């Protein structure tokens, strides 16, 4: 089993990535849950799982009430 951390280059969301080389996975891709950017394309040779661990701060300016 391989463990690692992945950060989305567009929105800075943080993910924990786990790969099980002993299990076959499915071909496909994983997109950032926050901004929809493709983070990885899978070939199906191993099982890969992502878990969102750090949500990015909202970088837009707050609306003023008024």
PDB file of N, CA and C in Angstrom:
ATOM      1  N   UNK A   1       0.848  -1.174   0.000  1.00  0.00           N
ATOM      2  CA  UNK A   1       0.000   0.000   0.000  1.00  0.00           C
ATOM      3  C   UNK A   1       0.895   1.238   0.000  1.00  0.00           C
ATOM      4  N   UNK A   2       0.542   2.183  -0.864  1.00  0.00           N
ATOM      5  CA  UNK A   2       1.243   3.471  -0.912  1.00  0.00           C
ATOM      6  C   UNK A   2       0.287   4.555  -0.430  1.00  0.00           C
ATOM      7  N   UNK A   3       0.784   5.437   0.438  1.00  0.00           N
ATOM      8  CA  UNK A   3      -0.001   6.572   0.927  1.00  0.00           C
ATOM      9  C   UNK A   3       0.724   7.847   0.554  1.00  0.00           C
ATOM     10  N   UNK A   4      -0.043   8.871   0.253  1.00  0.00           N
ATOM     11  CA  UNK A   4       0.559  10.155  -0.054  1.00  0.00           C
ATOM     12  C   UNK A   4      -0.467  11.259   0.012  1.00  0.00           C
ATOM     13  N   UNK A   5       0.006  12.476  -0.065  1.00  0.00           N
ATOM     14  CA  UNK A   5      -0.867  13.641  -0.057  1.00  0.00           C
ATOM     15  C   UNK A   5      -0.807  14.310  -1.421  1.00  0.00           C
ATOM     16  N   UNK A   6      -1.966  14.796  -1.871  1.00  0.00           N
ATOM     17  CA  UNK A   6      -2.084  15.467  -3.164  1.00  0.00           C
ATOM     18  C   UNK A   6      -2.764  16.805  -2.924  1.00  0.00           C
ATOM     19  N   UNK A   7      -2.266  17.848  -3.567  1.00  0.00           N
ATOM     20  CA  UNK A   7      -2.873  19.172  -3.485  1.00  0.00           C
ATOM     21  C   UNK A   7      -3.319  19.598  -4.871  1.00  0.00           C
ATOM     22  N   UNK A   8      -4.549  20.055  -4.982  1.00  0.00           N
ATOM     23  CA  UNK A   8      -5.052  20.542  -6.264  1.00  0.00           C
ATOM     24  C   UNK A   8      -4.294  21.819  -6.632  1.00  0.00           C
ATOM     25  N   UNK A   9      -3.726  21.871  -7.836  1.00  0.00           N
ATOM     26  CA  UNK A   9      -2.966  23.061  -8.228  1.00  0.00           C
ATOM     27  C   UNK A   9      -3.840  24.287  -8.492  1.00  0.00           C
ATOM     28  N   UNK A  10      -5.143  24.093  -8.693  1.00  0.00           N
ATOM     29  CA  UNK A  10      -6.017  25.233  -8.976  1.00  0.00           C
ATOM     30  C   UNK A  10      -6.614  25.870  -7.725  1.00  0.00           C
ATOM     31  N   UNK A  11      -7.089  25.052  -6.781  1.00  0.00           N
ATOM     32  CA  UNK A  11      -7.800  25.616  -5.625  1.00  0.00           C
ATOM     33  C   UNK A  11      -7.143  25.298  -4.283  1.00  0.00           C
ATOM     34  N   UNK A  12      -6.087  24.509  -4.284  1.00  0.00           N
ATOM     35  CA  UNK A  12      -5.325  24.146  -3.080  1.00  0.00           C
ATOM     36  C   UNK A  12      -6.051  23.209  -2.122  1.00  0.00           C
ATOM     37  N   UNK A  13      -7.087  22.528  -2.594  1.00  0.00           N
ATOM     38  CA  UNK A  13      -7.722  21.504  -1.762  1.00  0.00           C
ATOM     39  C   UNK A  13      -6.711  20.387  -1.519  1.00  0.00           C
ATOM     40  N   UNK A  14      -6.731  19.824  -0.320  1.00  0.00           N
ATOM     41  CA  UNK A  14      -5.792  18.765   0.028  1.00  0.00           C
ATOM     42  C   UNK A  14      -6.474  17.415   0.095  1.00  0.00           C
ATOM     43  N   UNK A  15      -5.816  16.393  -0.416  1.00  0.00           N
ATOM     44  CA  UNK A  15      -6.359  15.040  -0.458  1.00  0.00           C
ATOM     45  C   UNK A  15      -5.347  14.043   0.080  1.00  0.00           C
ATOM     46  N   UNK A  16      -5.843  12.968   0.676  1.00  0.00           N
ATOM     47  CA  UNK A  16      -5.028  11.805   1.017  1.00  0.00           C
ATOM     48  C   UNK A  16      -5.265  10.796  -0.103  1.00  0.00           C
ATOM     49  N   UNK A  17      -4.177  10.285  -0.662  1.00  0.00           N
ATOM     50  CA  UNK A  17      -4.257   9.321  -1.762  1.00  0.00           C
ATOM     51  C   UNK A  17      -3.712   7.990  -1.274  1.00  0.00           C
ATOM     52  N   UNK A  18      -4.481   6.924  -1.485  1.00  0.00           N
ATOM     53  CA  UNK A  18      -4.061   5.573  -1.119  1.00  0.00           C
ATOM     54  C   UNK A  18      -4.120   4.702  -2.365  1.00  0.00           C
ATOM     55  N   UNK A  19      -3.056   3.944  -2.591  1.00  0.00           N
ATOM     56  CA  UNK A  19      -2.992   3.045  -3.740  1.00  0.00           C
ATOM     57  C   UNK A  19      -2.703   1.631  -3.259  1.00  0.00           C
ATOM     58  N   UNK A  20      -3.551   0.699  -3.672  1.00  0.00           N
ATOM     59  CA  UNK A  20      -3.362  -0.714  -3.358  1.00  0.00           C
ATOM     60  C   UNK A  20      -2.888  -1.414  -4.619  1.00  0.00           C
ATOM     61  N   UNK A  21      -1.612  -1.708  -4.669  1.00  0.00           N
ATOM     62  CA  UNK A  21      -1.055  -2.366  -5.850  1.00  0.00           C
ATOM     63  C   UNK A  21      -1.487  -3.825  -5.941  1.00  0.00           C
ATOM     64  N   UNK A  22      -1.938  -4.397  -4.822  1.00  0.00           N
ATOM     65  CA  UNK A  22      -2.354  -5.798  -4.797  1.00  0.00           C
ATOM     66  C   UNK A  22      -3.761  -6.010  -5.357  1.00  0.00           C
ATOM     67  N   UNK A  23      -4.507  -4.917  -5.590  1.00  0.00           N
ATOM     68  CA  UNK A  23      -5.864  -5.024  -6.142  1.00  0.00           C
ATOM     69  C   UNK A  23      -5.945  -4.295  -7.466  1.00  0.00           C
ATOM     70  N   UNK A  24      -6.646  -4.896  -8.399  1.00  0.00           N
ATOM     71  CA  UNK A  24      -6.890  -4.237  -9.677  1.00  0.00           C
ATOM     72  C   UNK A  24      -7.994  -3.201  -9.500  1.00  0.00           C
ATOM     73  N   UNK A  25      -7.823  -2.064 -10.129  1.00  0.00           N
ATOM     74  CA  UNK A  25      -8.832  -1.022 -10.065  1.00  0.00           C
ATOM     75  C   UNK A  25      -9.578  -0.910 -11.381  1.00  0.00           C
ATOM     76  N   UNK A  26     -10.246   0.201 -11.560  1.00  0.00           N
ATOM     77  CA  UNK A  26     -10.970   0.485 -12.802  1.00  0.00           C
ATOM     78  C   UNK A  26     -10.308   1.656 -13.504  1.00  0.00           C
ATOM     79  N   UNK A  27     -10.223   1.599 -14.824  1.00  0.00           N
ATOM     80  CA  UNK A  27      -9.713   2.768 -15.553  1.00  0.00           C
ATOM     81  C   UNK A  27     -10.665   3.951 -15.351  1.00  0.00           C
ATOM     82  N   UNK A  28     -10.126   5.145 -15.328  1.00  0.00           N
ATOM     83  CA  UNK A  28     -10.952   6.334 -15.163  1.00  0.00           C
ATOM     84  C   UNK A  28     -10.116   7.511 -14.715  1.00  0.00           C
ATOM     85  N   UNK A  29     -10.765   8.434 -14.011  1.00  0.00           N
ATOM     86  CA  UNK A  29     -10.062   9.616 -13.533  1.00  0.00           C
ATOM     87  C   UNK A  29     -10.669  10.073 -12.217  1.00  0.00           C
ATOM     88  N   UNK A  30      -9.940  10.953 -11.516  1.00  0.00           N
ATOM     89  CA  UNK A  30     -10.441  11.554 -10.289  1.00  0.00           C
ATOM     90  C   UNK A  30     -10.374  13.062 -10.444  1.00  0.00           C
ATOM     91  N   UNK A  31     -11.510  13.724 -10.163  1.00  0.00           N
ATOM     92  CA  UNK A  31     -11.583  15.185 -10.242  1.00  0.00           C
ATOM     93  C   UNK A  31     -11.644  15.783  -8.846  1.00  0.00           C
ATOM     94  N   UNK A  32     -11.088  16.972  -8.713  1.00  0.00           N
ATOM     95  CA  UNK A  32     -11.171  17.726  -7.468  1.00  0.00           C
ATOM     96  C   UNK A  32     -12.643  17.964  -7.138  1.00  0.00           C
ATOM     97  N   UNK A  33     -13.022  17.699  -5.900  1.00  0.00           N
ATOM     98  CA  UNK A  33     -14.411  17.887  -5.480  1.00  0.00           C
ATOM     99  C   UNK A  33     -14.794  19.357  -5.368  1.00  0.00           C
ATOM    100  N   UNK A  34     -13.802  20.230  -5.261  1.00  0.00           N
ATOM    101  CA  UNK A  34     -14.058  21.657  -5.073  1.00  0.00           C
ATOM    102  C   UNK A  34     -14.147  22.393  -6.404  1.00  0.00           C
ATOM    103  N   UNK A  35     -13.165  22.182  -7.300  1.00  0.00           N
ATOM    104  CA  UNK A  35     -13.111  22.972  -8.538  1.00  0.00           C
ATOM    105  C   UNK A  35     -13.244  22.138  -9.816  1.00  0.00           C
ATOM    106  N   UNK A  36     -13.325  20.824  -9.697  1.00  0.00           N
ATOM    107  CA  UNK A  36     -13.572  19.931 -10.837  1.00  0.00           C
ATOM    108  C   UNK A  36     -12.360  19.702 -11.744  1.00  0.00           C
ATOM    109  N   UNK A  37     -11.182  20.089 -11.331  1.00  0.00           N
ATOM    110  CA  UNK A  37      -9.977  19.826 -12.140  1.00  0.00           C
ATOM    111  C   UNK A  37      -9.613  18.340 -12.040  1.00  0.00           C
ATOM    112  N   UNK A  38      -9.198  17.746 -13.150  1.00  0.00           N
ATOM    113  CA  UNK A  38      -8.751  16.353 -13.136  1.00  0.00           C
ATOM    114  C   UNK A  38      -7.409  16.282 -12.410  1.00  0.00           C
ATOM    115  N   UNK A  39      -7.347  15.463 -11.362  1.00  0.00           N
ATOM    116  CA  UNK A  39      -6.122  15.320 -10.576  1.00  0.00           C
ATOM    117  C   UNK A  39      -5.308  14.100 -10.998  1.00  0.00           C
ATOM    118  N   UNK A  40      -5.982  13.072 -11.496  1.00  0.00           N
ATOM    119  CA  UNK A  40      -5.262  11.866 -11.898  1.00  0.00           C
ATOM    120  C   UNK A  40      -6.111  11.063 -12.869  1.00  0.00           C
ATOM    121  N   UNK A  41      -5.439  10.422 -13.814  1.00  0.00           N
ATOM    122  CA  UNK A  41      -6.085   9.487 -14.732  1.00  0.00           C
ATOM    123  C   UNK A  41      -5.565   8.099 -14.387  1.00  0.00           C
ATOM    124  N   UNK A  42      -6.494   7.149 -14.162  1.00  0.00           N
ATOM    125  CA  UNK A  42      -6.131   5.792 -13.765  1.00  0.00           C
ATOM    126  C   UNK A  42      -6.131   4.864 -14.969  1.00  0.00           C
ATOM    127  N   UNK A  43      -5.180   3.923 -14.986  1.00  0.00           N
ATOM    128  CA  UNK A  43      -5.169   2.911 -16.045  1.00  0.00           C
ATOM    129  C   UNK A  43      -5.805   1.600 -15.587  1.00  0.00           C
ATOM    130  N   UNK A  44      -6.161   1.497 -14.312  1.00  0.00           N
ATOM    131  CA  UNK A  44      -6.817   0.305 -13.791  1.00  0.00           C
ATOM    132  C   UNK A  44      -5.867  -0.771 -13.296  1.00  0.00           C
ATOM    133  N   UNK A  45      -4.572  -0.516 -13.330  1.00  0.00           N
ATOM    134  CA  UNK A  45      -3.607  -1.534 -12.905  1.00  0.00           C
ATOM    135  C   UNK A  45      -3.572  -1.713 -11.383  1.00  0.00           C
ATOM    136  N   UNK A  46      -4.070  -0.722 -10.631  1.00  0.00           N
ATOM    137  CA  UNK A  46      -4.137  -0.817  -9.168  1.00  0.00           C
ATOM    138  C   UNK A  46      -5.351  -0.036  -8.676  1.00  0.00           C
ATOM    139  N   UNK A  47      -5.769  -0.323  -7.449  1.00  0.00           N
ATOM    140  CA  UNK A  47      -6.903   0.364  -6.829  1.00  0.00           C
ATOM    141  C   UNK A  47      -6.403   1.664  -6.208  1.00  0.00           C
ATOM    142  N   UNK A  48      -7.055   2.785  -6.531  1.00  0.00           N
ATOM    143  CA  UNK A  48      -6.655   4.092  -6.009  1.00  0.00           C
ATOM    144  C   UNK A  48      -7.870   4.752  -5.365  1.00  0.00           C
ATOM    145  N   UNK A  49      -7.669   5.343  -4.185  1.00  0.00           N
ATOM    146  CA  UNK A  49      -8.740   6.048  -3.488  1.00  0.00           C
ATOM    147  C   UNK A  49      -8.244   7.417  -3.039  1.00  0.00           C
ATOM    148  N   UNK A  50      -9.136   8.400  -3.118  1.00  0.00           N
ATOM    149  CA  UNK A  50      -8.845   9.761  -2.661  1.00  0.00           C
ATOM    150  C   UNK A  50      -9.820  10.128  -1.556  1.00  0.00           C
ATOM    151  N   UNK A  51      -9.336  10.940  -0.613  1.00  0.00           N
ATOM    152  CA  UNK A  51     -10.191  11.463   0.449  1.00  0.00           C
ATOM    153  C   UNK A  51      -9.841  12.929   0.666  1.00  0.00           C
ATOM    154  N   UNK A  52     -10.849  13.786   0.606  1.00  0.00           N
ATOM    155  CA  UNK A  52     -10.636  15.216   0.843  1.00  0.00           C
ATOM    156  C   UNK A  52     -10.281  15.427   2.311  1.00  0.00           C
ATOM    157  N   UNK A  53      -9.135  16.044   2.564  1.00  0.00           N
ATOM    158  CA  UNK A  53      -8.691  16.262   3.942  1.00  0.00           C
ATOM    159  C   UNK A  53      -8.610  17.734   4.314  1.00  0.00           C
ATOM    160  N   UNK A  54      -8.399  18.613   3.322  1.00  0.00           N
ATOM    161  CA  UNK A  54      -8.289  20.050   3.586  1.00  0.00           C
ATOM    162  C   UNK A  54      -9.091  20.808   2.540  1.00  0.00           C
ATOM    163  N   UNK A  55     -10.172  21.454   2.995  1.00  0.00           N
ATOM    164  CA  UNK A  55     -10.926  22.299   2.079  1.00  0.00           C
ATOM    165  C   UNK A  55     -10.221  23.639   1.975  1.00  0.00           C
ATOM    166  N   UNK A  56     -10.132  24.190   0.761  1.00  0.00           N
ATOM    167  CA  UNK A  56      -9.456  25.477   0.609  1.00  0.00           C
ATOM    168  C   UNK A  56     -10.267  26.605   1.226  1.00  0.00           C
ATOM    169  N   UNK A  57      -9.575  27.656   1.611  1.00  0.00           N
ATOM    170  CA  UNK A  57     -10.253  28.856   2.103  1.00  0.00           C
ATOM    171  C   UNK A  57     -10.936  29.535   0.936  1.00  0.00           C
ATOM    172  N   UNK A  58     -12.028  30.195   1.214  1.00  0.00           N
ATOM    173  CA  UNK A  58     -12.723  30.950   0.177  1.00  0.00           C
ATOM    174  C   UNK A  58     -11.913  32.209  -0.096  1.00  0.00           C
ATOM    175  N   UNK A  59     -11.363  32.321  -1.283  1.00  0.00           N
ATOM    176  CA  UNK A  59     -10.475  33.432  -1.606  1.00  0.00           C
ATOM    177  C   UNK A  59     -11.200  34.639  -2.186  1.00  0.00           C
ATOM    178  N   UNK A  60     -12.500  34.509  -2.400  1.00  0.00           N
ATOM    179  CA  UNK A  60     -13.260  35.644  -2.928  1.00  0.00           C
ATOM    180  C   UNK A  60     -13.511  36.659  -1.818  1.00  0.00           C
ATOM    181  N   UNK A  61     -13.521  37.940  -2.148  1.00  0.00           N
ATOM    182  CA  UNK A  61     -13.800  38.948  -1.116  1.00  0.00           C
ATOM    183  C   UNK A  61     -15.226  38.807  -0.593  1.00  0.00           C
ATOM    184  N   UNK A  62     -15.391  39.046   0.679  1.00  0.00           N
ATOM    185  CA  UNK A  62     -16.711  38.950   1.297  1.00  0.00           C
ATOM    186  C   UNK A  62     -17.600  40.089   0.802  1.00  0.00           C
ATOM    187  N   UNK A  63     -18.889  39.779   0.645  1.00  0.00           N
ATOM    188  CA  UNK A  63     -19.841  40.827   0.254  1.00  0.00           C
ATOM    189  C   UNK A  63     -20.097  41.736   1.442  1.00  0.00           C
ATOM    190  N   UNK A  64     -20.195  42.999   1.153  1.00  0.00           N
ATOM    191  CA  UNK A  64     -20.502  43.945   2.224  1.00  0.00           C
ATOM    192  C   UNK A  64     -22.007  44.107   2.307  1.00  0.00           C
ATOM    193  N   UNK A  65     -22.501  44.085   3.524  1.00  0.00           N
ATOM    194  CA  UNK A  65     -23.934  44.281   3.737  1.00  0.00           C
ATOM    195  C   UNK A  65     -24.208  45.773   3.791  1.00  0.00           C
ATOM    196  N   UNK A  66     -25.309  46.123   3.182  1.00  0.00           N
ATOM    197  CA  UNK A  66     -25.446  47.487   3.282  1.00  0.00           C
ATOM    198  C   UNK A  66     -26.481  48.318   2.923  1.00  0.00           C
TER     199      UNK A  66
END
